[in-house]
Protein backbone atom coordinates (compact mmCIF):
# COMPACT_ATOMS: atom_id res chain seq x y z
CA MET A 1 14.97 8.36 -19.65
CA SER A 2 17.59 5.81 -18.63
CA MET A 3 17.76 2.62 -20.68
CA ARG A 4 18.78 0.73 -17.51
CA TRP A 5 15.34 1.34 -16.02
CA GLN A 6 13.25 1.27 -19.19
CA ASP A 7 10.44 -1.29 -18.77
CA LYS A 8 12.02 -2.89 -15.68
CA VAL A 9 9.37 -4.01 -13.19
CA VAL A 10 10.24 -2.76 -9.72
CA VAL A 11 8.28 -3.90 -6.66
CA ILE A 12 8.36 -1.49 -3.72
CA THR A 13 6.80 -2.36 -0.36
CA GLY A 14 5.77 0.41 2.01
CA ALA A 15 5.21 2.68 -0.98
CA THR A 16 2.60 5.11 0.34
CA SER A 17 4.87 7.43 2.32
CA GLY A 18 8.41 8.54 2.94
CA ILE A 19 11.21 6.67 1.22
CA GLY A 20 8.85 4.16 -0.42
CA SER A 21 6.77 6.84 -2.11
CA ALA A 22 9.90 8.70 -3.21
CA LEU A 23 11.39 5.48 -4.61
CA ALA A 24 8.19 4.72 -6.54
CA MET A 25 8.16 8.17 -8.14
CA ALA A 26 11.91 8.09 -8.88
CA CYS A 27 11.83 4.64 -10.48
CA ALA A 28 8.79 5.54 -12.58
CA GLY A 29 10.51 8.77 -13.57
CA LYS A 30 13.44 6.71 -14.90
CA GLY A 31 11.12 4.62 -17.09
CA ALA A 32 10.49 1.66 -14.81
CA LYS A 33 7.11 0.01 -14.34
CA VAL A 34 6.48 0.18 -10.59
CA ALA A 35 4.40 -2.31 -8.63
CA ALA A 36 3.72 -0.55 -5.33
CA LEU A 37 2.12 -1.89 -2.19
CA ALA A 38 1.37 -0.85 1.37
CA ARG A 39 -1.19 -1.57 4.08
CA ARG A 40 -3.10 1.62 3.36
CA GLY A 41 -4.25 2.74 -0.05
CA MET A 42 -2.96 5.61 -2.12
CA GLU A 43 -3.65 7.08 -5.52
CA PHE A 44 -0.56 7.50 -7.69
CA VAL A 45 -1.10 9.84 -10.63
CA ASN A 46 1.73 8.28 -12.62
CA PRO A 47 0.36 5.59 -14.99
CA ASP A 48 3.63 3.65 -14.63
CA ILE A 49 2.83 2.99 -10.95
CA TRP A 50 0.46 0.08 -10.30
CA PHE A 51 -0.76 0.04 -6.70
CA LYS A 52 -2.67 -2.55 -4.70
CA THR A 53 -2.93 -2.74 -0.92
CA CYS A 54 -1.14 -5.56 0.87
CA ASP A 55 0.00 -6.16 4.44
CA VAL A 56 3.45 -7.74 4.15
CA ALA A 57 2.95 -9.31 7.59
CA ASP A 58 0.10 -11.42 6.19
CA LEU A 59 1.41 -14.40 4.22
CA GLY A 60 -1.91 -14.93 2.43
CA GLN A 61 -2.11 -11.30 1.31
CA VAL A 62 1.49 -11.43 0.09
CA ALA A 63 0.83 -14.58 -1.96
CA SER A 64 -2.30 -13.04 -3.50
CA TRP A 65 -0.53 -9.75 -4.23
CA VAL A 66 2.40 -11.46 -5.96
CA LYS A 67 -0.01 -13.52 -8.09
CA ALA A 68 -1.85 -10.33 -9.10
CA CYS A 69 1.47 -8.64 -9.90
CA GLN A 70 2.53 -11.59 -12.02
CA ALA A 71 -0.78 -11.46 -13.90
CA HIS A 72 -0.40 -7.72 -14.47
CA PHE A 73 3.30 -7.51 -15.44
CA GLY A 74 4.38 -11.09 -16.18
CA HIS A 75 7.66 -10.75 -14.27
CA ILE A 76 9.55 -8.82 -11.59
CA ASP A 77 13.06 -7.48 -12.13
CA ILE A 78 13.73 -5.74 -8.80
CA LEU A 79 12.28 -6.15 -5.30
CA ILE A 80 12.73 -3.37 -2.73
CA ASN A 81 11.59 -4.50 0.73
CA ASN A 82 11.00 -1.03 2.17
CA ALA A 83 7.96 -1.57 4.44
CA SER A 84 8.67 -1.07 8.13
CA LEU A 85 6.99 -0.44 11.44
CA LEU A 86 8.84 1.70 13.95
CA GLY A 87 6.78 0.85 17.01
CA VAL A 88 7.14 3.08 20.06
CA LYS A 89 10.18 4.50 21.78
CA THR A 90 9.97 3.14 25.30
CA SER A 91 11.83 0.84 27.63
CA VAL A 92 11.69 -2.90 27.14
CA GLY A 93 10.14 -3.27 30.59
CA VAL A 94 6.91 -1.56 29.51
CA TYR A 95 6.87 -2.38 25.78
CA ASP A 96 3.56 -3.94 24.78
CA PRO A 97 4.23 -7.53 23.60
CA ALA A 98 1.41 -7.31 21.03
CA LEU A 99 3.02 -4.23 19.47
CA TRP A 100 6.41 -5.99 19.52
CA ARG A 101 4.90 -8.93 17.59
CA SER A 102 3.56 -6.46 15.00
CA VAL A 103 7.01 -4.87 14.61
CA ILE A 104 8.61 -8.30 14.10
CA GLU A 105 5.89 -9.39 11.67
CA VAL A 106 6.38 -6.33 9.44
CA ASN A 107 10.14 -5.80 9.77
CA VAL A 108 11.40 -9.39 9.83
CA ASN A 109 8.70 -11.69 8.49
CA GLY A 110 7.41 -9.25 5.86
CA PRO A 111 10.62 -9.12 3.81
CA PHE A 112 10.96 -12.89 4.13
CA TYR A 113 7.37 -13.50 2.96
CA MET A 114 7.71 -11.09 0.03
CA SER A 115 11.13 -12.38 -1.06
CA GLN A 116 10.02 -15.99 -0.85
CA ALA A 117 6.78 -15.36 -2.77
CA VAL A 118 8.61 -13.50 -5.53
CA LEU A 119 11.37 -16.09 -5.81
CA ASN A 120 8.93 -19.00 -5.79
CA THR A 121 7.12 -17.59 -8.81
CA SER A 122 10.44 -17.60 -10.71
CA MET A 123 9.94 -13.95 -11.54
CA LEU A 124 13.44 -12.67 -10.76
């Protein structure tokens, strides 16, 4: 166990698959307390991973999630804005504007909402 990670609270967005899931397991394996979130639920078997669903594109959900995280851990040491939406691979001429708005909400606004909510609670 690395002393650098011991009892650090690490928030990871997009934590239910791919890089986010791997990051959650790796950080917990190093001794960190992980606060994981994603739009869809997941059961983590590691007791050092606390998971609650949250859509980072929804400002209200983000604010509620950060408040719950603060109540659970008391602080956040590290924020990893990993959540993303790839959208579809197609030409701009036929790209659905509603899908484009979803991509922007998750990939641009989501990290902004999460970073702002965390910083405004003076947890970093």
